[in-house]
Amino acid sequence: GIVIRLNPEKDDIEKAVALAEKSDVVILGMCSAIIFGNQLTLYNELKKTGKEIIVVAMESPYDIELIPEVKGYIATYGAARDWMRVAAERIFGINDINAKPAIEINW
């Protein structure tokens, strides 16, 4: 895995893409991409690898409006440890969480 800046720079994106190219699946944590626009650039570069991408929206659930084509999307409404654990359990099939958002999202 890799942890990068909230608003990733070119070198962050290059490192993430290089790692993604060696991976079967990409799990991308986004944090208010509606504010930090380079997260969308990162997503678009990762998408070019052709790998399956699962996005975990750790703050704003509205990030999905920027990437409506993504098939795997989890909104945690925060980055607390317990919320990250629950997201990981869902991704790896430990829990079958199938909740609807508490807000209206257009996608």
N, C-alpha and C. Protein backbone atom coordinates (compact mmCIF):
# COMPACT_ATOMS: atom_id res chain seq x y z
N GLY A 1 0.81 -1.18 0.00
CA GLY A 1 0.00 0.00 0.00
C GLY A 1 0.85 1.24 0.00
N ILE A 2 0.18 2.34 -0.17
CA ILE A 2 0.86 3.63 -0.19
C ILE A 2 -0.07 4.69 0.40
N VAL A 3 0.49 5.59 1.15
CA VAL A 3 -0.24 6.74 1.68
C VAL A 3 0.34 7.97 1.00
N ILE A 4 -0.53 8.79 0.44
CA ILE A 4 -0.06 9.99 -0.25
C ILE A 4 -0.76 11.22 0.30
N ARG A 5 -0.34 12.36 -0.20
CA ARG A 5 -0.89 13.64 0.25
C ARG A 5 -2.38 13.75 -0.05
N LEU A 6 -3.05 14.56 0.75
CA LEU A 6 -4.48 14.79 0.57
C LEU A 6 -4.79 15.34 -0.82
N ASN A 7 -3.95 16.19 -1.31
CA ASN A 7 -4.08 16.70 -2.67
C ASN A 7 -2.83 16.22 -3.42
N PRO A 8 -2.87 15.00 -3.96
CA PRO A 8 -1.67 14.36 -4.50
C PRO A 8 -0.98 15.17 -5.59
N GLU A 9 0.34 15.12 -5.53
CA GLU A 9 1.14 15.78 -6.56
C GLU A 9 1.59 14.74 -7.57
N LYS A 10 2.26 15.19 -8.62
CA LYS A 10 2.65 14.32 -9.72
C LYS A 10 3.42 13.10 -9.24
N ASP A 11 4.37 13.28 -8.34
CA ASP A 11 5.17 12.14 -7.87
C ASP A 11 4.32 11.15 -7.08
N ASP A 12 3.33 11.64 -6.31
CA ASP A 12 2.41 10.76 -5.60
C ASP A 12 1.64 9.89 -6.59
N ILE A 13 1.14 10.54 -7.61
CA ILE A 13 0.33 9.85 -8.62
C ILE A 13 1.17 8.80 -9.35
N GLU A 14 2.40 9.15 -9.69
CA GLU A 14 3.28 8.19 -10.37
C GLU A 14 3.56 6.98 -9.50
N LYS A 15 3.81 7.19 -8.21
CA LYS A 15 4.06 6.07 -7.30
C LYS A 15 2.82 5.18 -7.17
N ALA A 16 1.66 5.81 -7.06
CA ALA A 16 0.42 5.04 -6.92
C ALA A 16 0.13 4.22 -8.17
N VAL A 17 0.36 4.81 -9.34
CA VAL A 17 0.12 4.09 -10.60
C VAL A 17 1.10 2.93 -10.73
N ALA A 18 2.36 3.14 -10.38
CA ALA A 18 3.36 2.06 -10.44
C ALA A 18 2.95 0.90 -9.54
N LEU A 19 2.46 1.19 -8.35
CA LEU A 19 2.01 0.14 -7.44
C LEU A 19 0.76 -0.55 -7.99
N ALA A 20 -0.16 0.23 -8.54
CA ALA A 20 -1.39 -0.34 -9.09
C ALA A 20 -1.10 -1.30 -10.24
N GLU A 21 -0.11 -0.98 -11.04
CA GLU A 21 0.22 -1.83 -12.17
C GLU A 21 0.68 -3.22 -11.72
N LYS A 22 1.18 -3.35 -10.49
CA LYS A 22 1.62 -4.63 -9.96
C LYS A 22 0.52 -5.33 -9.16
N SER A 23 -0.65 -4.73 -9.09
CA SER A 23 -1.73 -5.22 -8.24
C SER A 23 -2.87 -5.81 -9.06
N ASP A 24 -3.67 -6.65 -8.42
CA ASP A 24 -4.85 -7.19 -9.07
C ASP A 24 -6.03 -6.23 -8.97
N VAL A 25 -6.16 -5.61 -7.81
CA VAL A 25 -7.26 -4.69 -7.52
C VAL A 25 -6.69 -3.48 -6.82
N VAL A 26 -7.28 -2.31 -7.06
CA VAL A 26 -6.85 -1.08 -6.42
C VAL A 26 -7.95 -0.65 -5.44
N ILE A 27 -7.57 -0.42 -4.19
CA ILE A 27 -8.48 0.17 -3.21
C ILE A 27 -7.99 1.59 -2.98
N LEU A 28 -8.82 2.54 -3.37
CA LEU A 28 -8.45 3.95 -3.32
C LEU A 28 -9.28 4.67 -2.28
N GLY A 29 -8.63 5.20 -1.27
CA GLY A 29 -9.31 6.03 -0.28
C GLY A 29 -9.34 7.46 -0.78
N MET A 30 -10.54 7.99 -0.91
CA MET A 30 -10.68 9.39 -1.30
C MET A 30 -11.21 10.17 -0.10
N CYS A 31 -10.76 11.39 0.02
CA CYS A 31 -11.14 12.22 1.16
C CYS A 31 -11.50 13.62 0.65
N SER A 32 -12.78 13.83 0.46
CA SER A 32 -13.28 15.12 -0.04
C SER A 32 -12.65 15.50 -1.38
N ALA A 33 -12.73 14.58 -2.32
CA ALA A 33 -12.20 14.85 -3.66
C ALA A 33 -12.94 16.00 -4.33
N ILE A 34 -14.13 16.30 -3.84
CA ILE A 34 -14.85 17.45 -4.38
C ILE A 34 -14.13 18.75 -4.03
N ILE A 35 -13.27 18.71 -3.03
CA ILE A 35 -12.47 19.88 -2.63
C ILE A 35 -11.03 19.76 -3.14
N PHE A 36 -10.45 18.57 -2.98
CA PHE A 36 -9.05 18.34 -3.36
C PHE A 36 -9.02 17.66 -4.72
N GLY A 37 -9.03 18.49 -5.76
CA GLY A 37 -9.21 18.04 -7.14
C GLY A 37 -8.19 17.06 -7.67
N ASN A 38 -6.97 17.07 -7.14
CA ASN A 38 -5.97 16.15 -7.66
C ASN A 38 -6.28 14.70 -7.31
N GLN A 39 -7.20 14.47 -6.37
CA GLN A 39 -7.63 13.11 -6.10
C GLN A 39 -8.36 12.54 -7.32
N LEU A 40 -9.09 13.38 -8.01
CA LEU A 40 -9.75 12.95 -9.24
C LEU A 40 -8.73 12.64 -10.32
N THR A 41 -7.68 13.43 -10.40
CA THR A 41 -6.58 13.15 -11.33
C THR A 41 -5.96 11.80 -11.00
N LEU A 42 -5.73 11.54 -9.73
CA LEU A 42 -5.18 10.26 -9.29
C LEU A 42 -6.10 9.12 -9.73
N TYR A 43 -7.38 9.25 -9.46
CA TYR A 43 -8.35 8.22 -9.85
C TYR A 43 -8.29 7.97 -11.35
N ASN A 44 -8.29 9.04 -12.14
CA ASN A 44 -8.27 8.88 -13.60
C ASN A 44 -7.00 8.19 -14.09
N GLU A 45 -5.88 8.49 -13.46
CA GLU A 45 -4.62 7.81 -13.84
C GLU A 45 -4.65 6.34 -13.44
N LEU A 46 -5.21 6.05 -12.28
CA LEU A 46 -5.33 4.66 -11.85
C LEU A 46 -6.27 3.89 -12.77
N LYS A 47 -7.32 4.55 -13.21
CA LYS A 47 -8.28 3.91 -14.11
C LYS A 47 -7.61 3.47 -15.41
N LYS A 48 -6.62 4.22 -15.86
CA LYS A 48 -5.91 3.89 -17.11
C LYS A 48 -5.15 2.57 -17.00
N THR A 49 -4.89 2.08 -15.78
CA THR A 49 -4.18 0.81 -15.62
C THR A 49 -5.08 -0.37 -16.00
N GLY A 50 -6.38 -0.14 -16.06
CA GLY A 50 -7.31 -1.22 -16.38
C GLY A 50 -7.66 -2.11 -15.20
N LYS A 51 -7.14 -1.78 -14.04
CA LYS A 51 -7.41 -2.58 -12.84
C LYS A 51 -8.78 -2.23 -12.26
N GLU A 52 -9.39 -3.20 -11.59
CA GLU A 52 -10.62 -2.92 -10.87
C GLU A 52 -10.29 -1.94 -9.75
N ILE A 53 -11.13 -0.93 -9.57
CA ILE A 53 -10.91 0.07 -8.53
C ILE A 53 -12.10 0.06 -7.57
N ILE A 54 -11.79 -0.05 -6.30
CA ILE A 54 -12.78 0.10 -5.25
C ILE A 54 -12.46 1.40 -4.54
N VAL A 55 -13.44 2.28 -4.45
CA VAL A 55 -13.22 3.58 -3.81
C VAL A 55 -13.89 3.59 -2.44
N VAL A 56 -13.14 4.04 -1.45
CA VAL A 56 -13.68 4.26 -0.12
C VAL A 56 -13.67 5.77 0.09
N ALA A 57 -14.86 6.36 0.14
CA ALA A 57 -14.99 7.79 0.38
C ALA A 57 -14.97 8.01 1.89
N MET A 58 -13.88 8.60 2.36
CA MET A 58 -13.68 8.68 3.81
C MET A 58 -14.23 9.95 4.44
N GLU A 59 -14.70 10.85 3.69
CA GLU A 59 -15.32 12.05 4.25
C GLU A 59 -16.62 12.34 3.51
N SER A 60 -16.51 12.88 2.31
CA SER A 60 -17.70 13.27 1.57
C SER A 60 -18.25 12.14 0.72
N PRO A 61 -19.46 11.70 0.99
CA PRO A 61 -20.06 10.68 0.14
C PRO A 61 -20.35 11.19 -1.27
N TYR A 62 -20.32 12.51 -1.44
CA TYR A 62 -20.60 13.10 -2.74
C TYR A 62 -19.48 12.92 -3.76
N ASP A 63 -18.34 12.38 -3.33
CA ASP A 63 -17.25 12.14 -4.28
C ASP A 63 -17.70 11.24 -5.42
N ILE A 64 -18.68 10.38 -5.19
CA ILE A 64 -19.18 9.48 -6.24
C ILE A 64 -19.71 10.26 -7.44
N GLU A 65 -20.17 11.48 -7.21
CA GLU A 65 -20.69 12.28 -8.32
C GLU A 65 -19.59 12.64 -9.32
N LEU A 66 -18.32 12.59 -8.86
CA LEU A 66 -17.19 12.87 -9.75
C LEU A 66 -16.78 11.63 -10.54
N ILE A 67 -17.12 10.45 -10.04
CA ILE A 67 -16.67 9.20 -10.67
C ILE A 67 -17.84 8.22 -10.78
N PRO A 68 -18.92 8.59 -11.46
CA PRO A 68 -20.13 7.76 -11.46
C PRO A 68 -19.94 6.38 -12.08
N GLU A 69 -18.87 6.19 -12.85
CA GLU A 69 -18.66 4.89 -13.50
C GLU A 69 -18.06 3.83 -12.57
N VAL A 70 -17.56 4.23 -11.41
CA VAL A 70 -16.94 3.26 -10.50
C VAL A 70 -18.01 2.29 -9.98
N LYS A 71 -17.68 1.02 -9.98
CA LYS A 71 -18.64 0.00 -9.57
C LYS A 71 -18.54 -0.32 -8.08
N GLY A 72 -17.35 -0.26 -7.51
CA GLY A 72 -17.16 -0.55 -6.10
C GLY A 72 -16.98 0.74 -5.32
N TYR A 73 -17.98 1.12 -4.53
CA TYR A 73 -17.94 2.41 -3.83
C TYR A 73 -18.51 2.24 -2.43
N ILE A 74 -17.75 2.67 -1.43
CA ILE A 74 -18.19 2.64 -0.04
C ILE A 74 -17.98 4.02 0.54
N ALA A 75 -19.00 4.55 1.18
CA ALA A 75 -18.89 5.84 1.87
C ALA A 75 -18.90 5.58 3.37
N THR A 76 -17.86 6.02 4.05
CA THR A 76 -17.76 5.78 5.50
C THR A 76 -18.11 7.02 6.32
N TYR A 77 -18.19 8.18 5.69
CA TYR A 77 -18.53 9.42 6.37
C TYR A 77 -17.50 9.83 7.41
N GLY A 78 -16.30 9.29 7.33
CA GLY A 78 -15.23 9.64 8.24
C GLY A 78 -14.13 8.60 8.15
N ALA A 79 -13.00 8.91 8.78
CA ALA A 79 -11.83 8.02 8.69
C ALA A 79 -11.48 7.38 10.03
N ALA A 80 -12.44 7.28 10.93
CA ALA A 80 -12.18 6.65 12.22
C ALA A 80 -11.79 5.19 12.01
N ARG A 81 -10.99 4.68 12.90
CA ARG A 81 -10.49 3.30 12.80
C ARG A 81 -11.62 2.28 12.63
N ASP A 82 -12.68 2.41 13.40
CA ASP A 82 -13.79 1.46 13.30
C ASP A 82 -14.45 1.51 11.94
N TRP A 83 -14.58 2.68 11.37
CA TRP A 83 -15.20 2.80 10.05
C TRP A 83 -14.32 2.19 8.98
N MET A 84 -13.01 2.34 9.13
CA MET A 84 -12.10 1.74 8.16
C MET A 84 -12.13 0.21 8.28
N ARG A 85 -12.25 -0.29 9.50
CA ARG A 85 -12.36 -1.74 9.72
C ARG A 85 -13.61 -2.28 9.05
N VAL A 86 -14.73 -1.60 9.23
CA VAL A 86 -15.99 -2.04 8.62
C VAL A 86 -15.88 -2.01 7.10
N ALA A 87 -15.27 -0.96 6.54
CA ALA A 87 -15.09 -0.90 5.08
C ALA A 87 -14.24 -2.06 4.60
N ALA A 88 -13.15 -2.36 5.31
CA ALA A 88 -12.28 -3.47 4.92
C ALA A 88 -13.03 -4.80 5.02
N GLU A 89 -13.84 -4.96 6.06
CA GLU A 89 -14.62 -6.19 6.19
C GLU A 89 -15.58 -6.36 5.02
N ARG A 90 -16.15 -5.28 4.56
CA ARG A 90 -17.07 -5.35 3.42
C ARG A 90 -16.29 -5.69 2.14
N ILE A 91 -15.17 -5.04 1.93
CA ILE A 91 -14.37 -5.28 0.73
C ILE A 91 -13.91 -6.73 0.66
N PHE A 92 -13.50 -7.29 1.78
CA PHE A 92 -12.96 -8.65 1.79
C PHE A 92 -14.01 -9.71 2.10
N GLY A 93 -15.30 -9.33 2.10
CA GLY A 93 -16.37 -10.30 2.23
C GLY A 93 -16.62 -10.84 3.62
N ILE A 94 -16.10 -10.19 4.63
CA ILE A 94 -16.31 -10.64 6.00
C ILE A 94 -17.69 -10.24 6.48
N ASN A 95 -18.16 -9.08 6.09
CA ASN A 95 -19.50 -8.59 6.41
C ASN A 95 -20.21 -8.27 5.11
N ASP A 96 -21.51 -8.53 5.09
CA ASP A 96 -22.30 -8.20 3.91
C ASP A 96 -23.13 -6.95 4.19
N ILE A 97 -22.44 -5.85 4.34
CA ILE A 97 -23.09 -4.58 4.63
C ILE A 97 -23.67 -4.05 3.33
N ASN A 98 -24.93 -3.75 3.34
CA ASN A 98 -25.58 -3.25 2.14
C ASN A 98 -26.51 -2.12 2.55
N ALA A 99 -25.94 -0.99 2.89
CA ALA A 99 -26.71 0.13 3.40
C ALA A 99 -26.97 1.16 2.30
N LYS A 100 -27.99 1.93 2.51
CA LYS A 100 -28.30 3.03 1.61
C LYS A 100 -27.82 4.32 2.25
N PRO A 101 -27.37 5.28 1.42
CA PRO A 101 -26.88 6.55 2.00
C PRO A 101 -27.99 7.31 2.71
N ALA A 102 -27.59 8.04 3.72
CA ALA A 102 -28.54 8.84 4.49
C ALA A 102 -28.90 10.14 3.77
N ILE A 103 -28.27 10.37 2.64
CA ILE A 103 -28.47 11.58 1.87
C ILE A 103 -28.78 11.21 0.43
N GLU A 104 -29.22 12.18 -0.33
CA GLU A 104 -29.50 11.91 -1.75
C GLU A 104 -28.24 12.23 -2.56
N ILE A 105 -27.80 11.23 -3.33
CA ILE A 105 -26.62 11.39 -4.15
C ILE A 105 -27.02 11.20 -5.60
N ASN A 106 -26.59 12.09 -6.46
CA ASN A 106 -26.94 12.03 -7.88
C ASN A 106 -25.84 11.33 -8.66
N TRP A 107 -26.05 10.07 -8.96
CA TRP A 107 -25.14 9.34 -9.83
C TRP A 107 -25.83 8.21 -10.51
